[in-house]
Amino acid sequence: MATQLEEKIGMKLESYTFRVEKGKIRELALAIGDLKDEYLNGESLSPTFPTVIEFWGGKGSSANLLGLNVKKVLHGEQTYEYLKEIKPEDEITVHSVVENAYSKAKMNFVIIKKEFFNQHGELVLLCQQTVIERH
């Protein structure tokens, strides 16, 4: 019989769409101190911009959506695989699913796969995120 944690495997999180605005590109550049003209002008995105999409695009944290105790959650590993360029003014839709969930060393690990599609239906980015909940 599967545990409550294992039952989360295959769970789809609510999809969301985020418009890549030049102002947000600039905000990130200023926040991280990467002051290249193309970022400040909103002409191109820094490689870390998908974090902005995740932070501002969803309706809540992954931990909340998964029913985890937010006070005990840590951000684990996160990887991005860039498949196509994300451009200013693109509308990016993110679909997320729980790929794996398990307990180890008094912690719960939830692995989430995220797919980023542009307004043309093209898969532009893959993300894998590990959410850790301490017991």
C-alpha atoms as a PDB file:
ATOM      1  CA  MET A   1       0.000   0.000   0.000  1.00  0.00           C
ATOM      2  CA  ALA A   2       1.373   3.409  -0.993  1.00  0.00           C
ATOM      3  CA  THR A   3       2.136   6.010   1.657  1.00  0.00           C
ATOM      4  CA  GLN A   4       0.589   9.492   1.554  1.00  0.00           C
ATOM      5  CA  LEU A   5       3.857  10.773   0.154  1.00  0.00           C
ATOM      6  CA  GLU A   6       4.046   8.155  -2.615  1.00  0.00           C
ATOM      7  CA  GLU A   7       0.450   8.954  -3.569  1.00  0.00           C
ATOM      8  CA  LYS A   8       1.679  12.366  -4.733  1.00  0.00           C
ATOM      9  CA  ILE A   9       3.613  10.731  -7.613  1.00  0.00           C
ATOM     10  CA  GLY A  10       1.880  11.680 -10.864  1.00  0.00           C
ATOM     11  CA  MET A  11       0.036  14.588  -9.221  1.00  0.00           C
ATOM     12  CA  LYS A  12      -0.339  17.519 -11.608  1.00  0.00           C
ATOM     13  CA  LEU A  13       0.004  21.006 -10.193  1.00  0.00           C
ATOM     14  CA  GLU A  14      -2.102  23.831 -11.546  1.00  0.00           C
ATOM     15  CA  SER A  15      -0.725  25.204 -14.813  1.00  0.00           C
ATOM     16  CA  TYR A  16      -0.138  28.932 -15.184  1.00  0.00           C
ATOM     17  CA  THR A  17       0.874  31.442 -17.846  1.00  0.00           C
ATOM     18  CA  PHE A  18       3.374  34.268 -17.422  1.00  0.00           C
ATOM     19  CA  ARG A  19       4.050  37.094 -19.886  1.00  0.00           C
ATOM     20  CA  VAL A  20       7.765  37.936 -20.122  1.00  0.00           C
ATOM     21  CA  GLU A  21       7.708  41.702 -19.615  1.00  0.00           C
ATOM     22  CA  LYS A  22      10.697  43.959 -20.169  1.00  0.00           C
ATOM     23  CA  GLY A  23      10.208  45.495 -16.722  1.00  0.00           C
ATOM     24  CA  LYS A  24      10.618  42.106 -15.025  1.00  0.00           C
ATOM     25  CA  ILE A  25      13.759  41.422 -17.074  1.00  0.00           C
ATOM     26  CA  ARG A  26      15.181  44.723 -15.840  1.00  0.00           C
ATOM     27  CA  GLU A  27      14.106  44.077 -12.226  1.00  0.00           C
ATOM     28  CA  LEU A  28      15.964  40.766 -12.177  1.00  0.00           C
ATOM     29  CA  ALA A  29      19.104  42.302 -13.691  1.00  0.00           C
ATOM     30  CA  LEU A  30      19.116  44.996 -11.006  1.00  0.00           C
ATOM     31  CA  ALA A  31      18.370  42.511  -8.220  1.00  0.00           C
ATOM     32  CA  ILE A  32      21.250  40.182  -9.101  1.00  0.00           C
ATOM     33  CA  GLY A  33      23.656  42.916 -10.202  1.00  0.00           C
ATOM     34  CA  ASP A  34      23.971  41.629 -13.766  1.00  0.00           C
ATOM     35  CA  LEU A  35      23.891  45.025 -15.459  1.00  0.00           C
ATOM     36  CA  LYS A  36      24.345  44.083 -19.107  1.00  0.00           C
ATOM     37  CA  ASP A  37      22.621  46.570 -21.386  1.00  0.00           C
ATOM     38  CA  GLU A  38      20.506  43.888 -23.071  1.00  0.00           C
ATOM     39  CA  TYR A  39      19.073  42.870 -19.672  1.00  0.00           C
ATOM     40  CA  LEU A  40      18.531  46.437 -18.448  1.00  0.00           C
ATOM     41  CA  ASN A  41      16.771  47.322 -21.718  1.00  0.00           C
ATOM     42  CA  GLY A  42      14.681  44.134 -21.596  1.00  0.00           C
ATOM     43  CA  GLU A  43      16.035  42.987 -24.959  1.00  0.00           C
ATOM     44  CA  SER A  44      17.179  39.542 -23.768  1.00  0.00           C
ATOM     45  CA  LEU A  45      16.851  37.386 -20.668  1.00  0.00           C
ATOM     46  CA  SER A  46      19.505  36.261 -18.234  1.00  0.00           C
ATOM     47  CA  PRO A  47      19.810  32.467 -17.841  1.00  0.00           C
ATOM     48  CA  THR A  48      18.222  32.710 -14.383  1.00  0.00           C
ATOM     49  CA  PHE A  49      15.021  34.377 -15.620  1.00  0.00           C
ATOM     50  CA  PRO A  50      12.914  31.174 -15.398  1.00  0.00           C
ATOM     51  CA  THR A  51      13.051  31.622 -11.625  1.00  0.00           C
ATOM     52  CA  VAL A  52      11.076  34.858 -12.101  1.00  0.00           C
ATOM     53  CA  ILE A  53       8.484  32.964 -14.139  1.00  0.00           C
ATOM     54  CA  GLU A  54       8.135  30.396 -11.356  1.00  0.00           C
ATOM     55  CA  PHE A  55       8.020  32.976  -8.562  1.00  0.00           C
ATOM     56  CA  TRP A  56       5.531  35.382 -10.145  1.00  0.00           C
ATOM     57  CA  GLY A  57       3.538  33.040 -12.354  1.00  0.00           C
ATOM     58  CA  GLY A  58       2.015  30.494 -10.010  1.00  0.00           C
ATOM     59  CA  LYS A  59      -0.771  30.793  -7.492  1.00  0.00           C
ATOM     60  CA  GLY A  60       1.367  29.682  -4.587  1.00  0.00           C
ATOM     61  CA  SER A  61       4.432  27.757  -3.606  1.00  0.00           C
ATOM     62  CA  SER A  62       4.853  24.162  -4.698  1.00  0.00           C
ATOM     63  CA  ALA A  63       5.068  23.208  -1.016  1.00  0.00           C
ATOM     64  CA  ASN A  64       1.608  24.663  -0.333  1.00  0.00           C
ATOM     65  CA  LEU A  65       0.123  23.025  -3.415  1.00  0.00           C
ATOM     66  CA  LEU A  66       1.551  19.672  -2.300  1.00  0.00           C
ATOM     67  CA  GLY A  67       0.192  20.015   1.243  1.00  0.00           C
ATOM     68  CA  LEU A  68       3.643  20.145   2.850  1.00  0.00           C
ATOM     69  CA  ASN A  69       4.442  21.968   6.088  1.00  0.00           C
ATOM     70  CA  VAL A  70       5.934  25.185   4.684  1.00  0.00           C
ATOM     71  CA  LYS A  71       7.766  25.899   7.964  1.00  0.00           C
ATOM     72  CA  LYS A  72       9.775  22.713   7.433  1.00  0.00           C
ATOM     73  CA  VAL A  73      10.429  23.014   3.696  1.00  0.00           C
ATOM     74  CA  LEU A  74      13.831  23.543   2.085  1.00  0.00           C
ATOM     75  CA  HIS A  75      14.585  24.302  -1.541  1.00  0.00           C
ATOM     76  CA  GLY A  76      16.732  21.458  -2.827  1.00  0.00           C
ATOM     77  CA  GLU A  77      18.392  21.008  -6.166  1.00  0.00           C
ATOM     78  CA  GLN A  78      16.969  22.689  -9.268  1.00  0.00           C
ATOM     79  CA  THR A  79      18.094  22.225 -12.850  1.00  0.00           C
ATOM     80  CA  TYR A  80      17.099  23.869 -16.118  1.00  0.00           C
ATOM     81  CA  GLU A  81      17.471  22.411 -19.607  1.00  0.00           C
ATOM     82  CA  TYR A  82      17.141  25.138 -22.228  1.00  0.00           C
ATOM     83  CA  LEU A  83      15.599  23.847 -25.449  1.00  0.00           C
ATOM     84  CA  LYS A  84      14.696  27.072 -27.255  1.00  0.00           C
ATOM     85  CA  GLU A  85      15.187  30.753 -26.537  1.00  0.00           C
ATOM     86  CA  ILE A  86      12.651  32.491 -24.310  1.00  0.00           C
ATOM     87  CA  LYS A  87      12.154  35.993 -25.678  1.00  0.00           C
ATOM     88  CA  PRO A  88      10.798  39.246 -24.282  1.00  0.00           C
ATOM     89  CA  GLU A  89       6.995  39.430 -24.628  1.00  0.00           C
ATOM     90  CA  ASP A  90       6.661  35.625 -24.878  1.00  0.00           C
ATOM     91  CA  GLU A  91       3.766  34.104 -22.994  1.00  0.00           C
ATOM     92  CA  ILE A  92       5.103  31.095 -21.152  1.00  0.00           C
ATOM     93  CA  THR A  93       2.777  28.394 -19.847  1.00  0.00           C
ATOM     94  CA  VAL A  94       4.175  26.075 -17.194  1.00  0.00           C
ATOM     95  CA  HIS A  95       2.880  22.540 -16.579  1.00  0.00           C
ATOM     96  CA  SER A  96       4.159  20.679 -13.511  1.00  0.00           C
ATOM     97  CA  VAL A  97       3.908  17.088 -12.336  1.00  0.00           C
ATOM     98  CA  VAL A  98       5.341  15.206  -9.361  1.00  0.00           C
ATOM     99  CA  GLU A  99       7.847  12.746 -10.817  1.00  0.00           C
ATOM    100  CA  ASN A 100       8.907  11.099  -7.565  1.00  0.00           C
ATOM    101  CA  ALA A 101       8.342  11.333  -3.827  1.00  0.00           C
ATOM    102  CA  TYR A 102      10.111   9.435  -1.063  1.00  0.00           C
ATOM    103  CA  SER A 103      11.398   9.635   2.519  1.00  0.00           C
ATOM    104  CA  LYS A 104      15.051   9.393   3.472  1.00  0.00           C
ATOM    105  CA  ALA A 105      17.070  10.421   6.538  1.00  0.00           C
ATOM    106  CA  LYS A 106      14.057  11.891   8.379  1.00  0.00           C
ATOM    107  CA  MET A 107      13.119  14.050   5.383  1.00  0.00           C
ATOM    108  CA  ASN A 108      10.577  13.881   2.568  1.00  0.00           C
ATOM    109  CA  PHE A 109      11.779  14.535  -0.968  1.00  0.00           C
ATOM    110  CA  VAL A 110       9.406  15.574  -3.750  1.00  0.00           C
ATOM    111  CA  ILE A 111      10.778  15.798  -7.287  1.00  0.00           C
ATOM    112  CA  ILE A 112       8.774  18.067  -9.600  1.00  0.00           C
ATOM    113  CA  LYS A 113       9.159  18.201 -13.381  1.00  0.00           C
ATOM    114  CA  LYS A 114       8.133  21.467 -15.034  1.00  0.00           C
ATOM    115  CA  GLU A 115       7.645  22.041 -18.750  1.00  0.00           C
ATOM    116  CA  PHE A 116       7.678  25.600 -20.111  1.00  0.00           C
ATOM    117  CA  PHE A 117       5.853  26.218 -23.409  1.00  0.00           C
ATOM    118  CA  ASN A 118       5.770  29.455 -25.391  1.00  0.00           C
ATOM    119  CA  GLN A 119       2.651  30.920 -27.010  1.00  0.00           C
ATOM    120  CA  HIS A 120       3.347  28.848 -30.144  1.00  0.00           C
ATOM    121  CA  GLY A 121       3.113  25.581 -28.178  1.00  0.00           C
ATOM    122  CA  GLU A 122       6.878  25.019 -28.405  1.00  0.00           C
ATOM    123  CA  LEU A 123       8.610  23.385 -25.444  1.00  0.00           C
ATOM    124  CA  VAL A 124      11.310  25.923 -24.557  1.00  0.00           C
ATOM    125  CA  LEU A 125      12.551  24.771 -21.141  1.00  0.00           C
ATOM    126  CA  LEU A 126      12.528  21.757 -18.856  1.00  0.00           C
ATOM    127  CA  CYS A 127      13.010  22.142 -15.124  1.00  0.00           C
ATOM    128  CA  GLN A 128      13.461  19.598 -12.371  1.00  0.00           C
ATOM    129  CA  GLN A 129      13.042  20.816  -8.807  1.00  0.00           C
ATOM    130  CA  THR A 130      13.545  19.021  -5.495  1.00  0.00           C
ATOM    131  CA  VAL A 131      11.430  20.144  -2.549  1.00  0.00           C
ATOM    132  CA  ILE A 132      12.579  18.828   0.844  1.00  0.00           C
ATOM    133  CA  GLU A 133      10.357  18.649   3.919  1.00  0.00           C
ATOM    134  CA  ARG A 134      12.103  18.002   7.226  1.00  0.00           C
ATOM    135  CA  HIS A 135      10.278  15.756   9.697  1.00  0.00           C
END
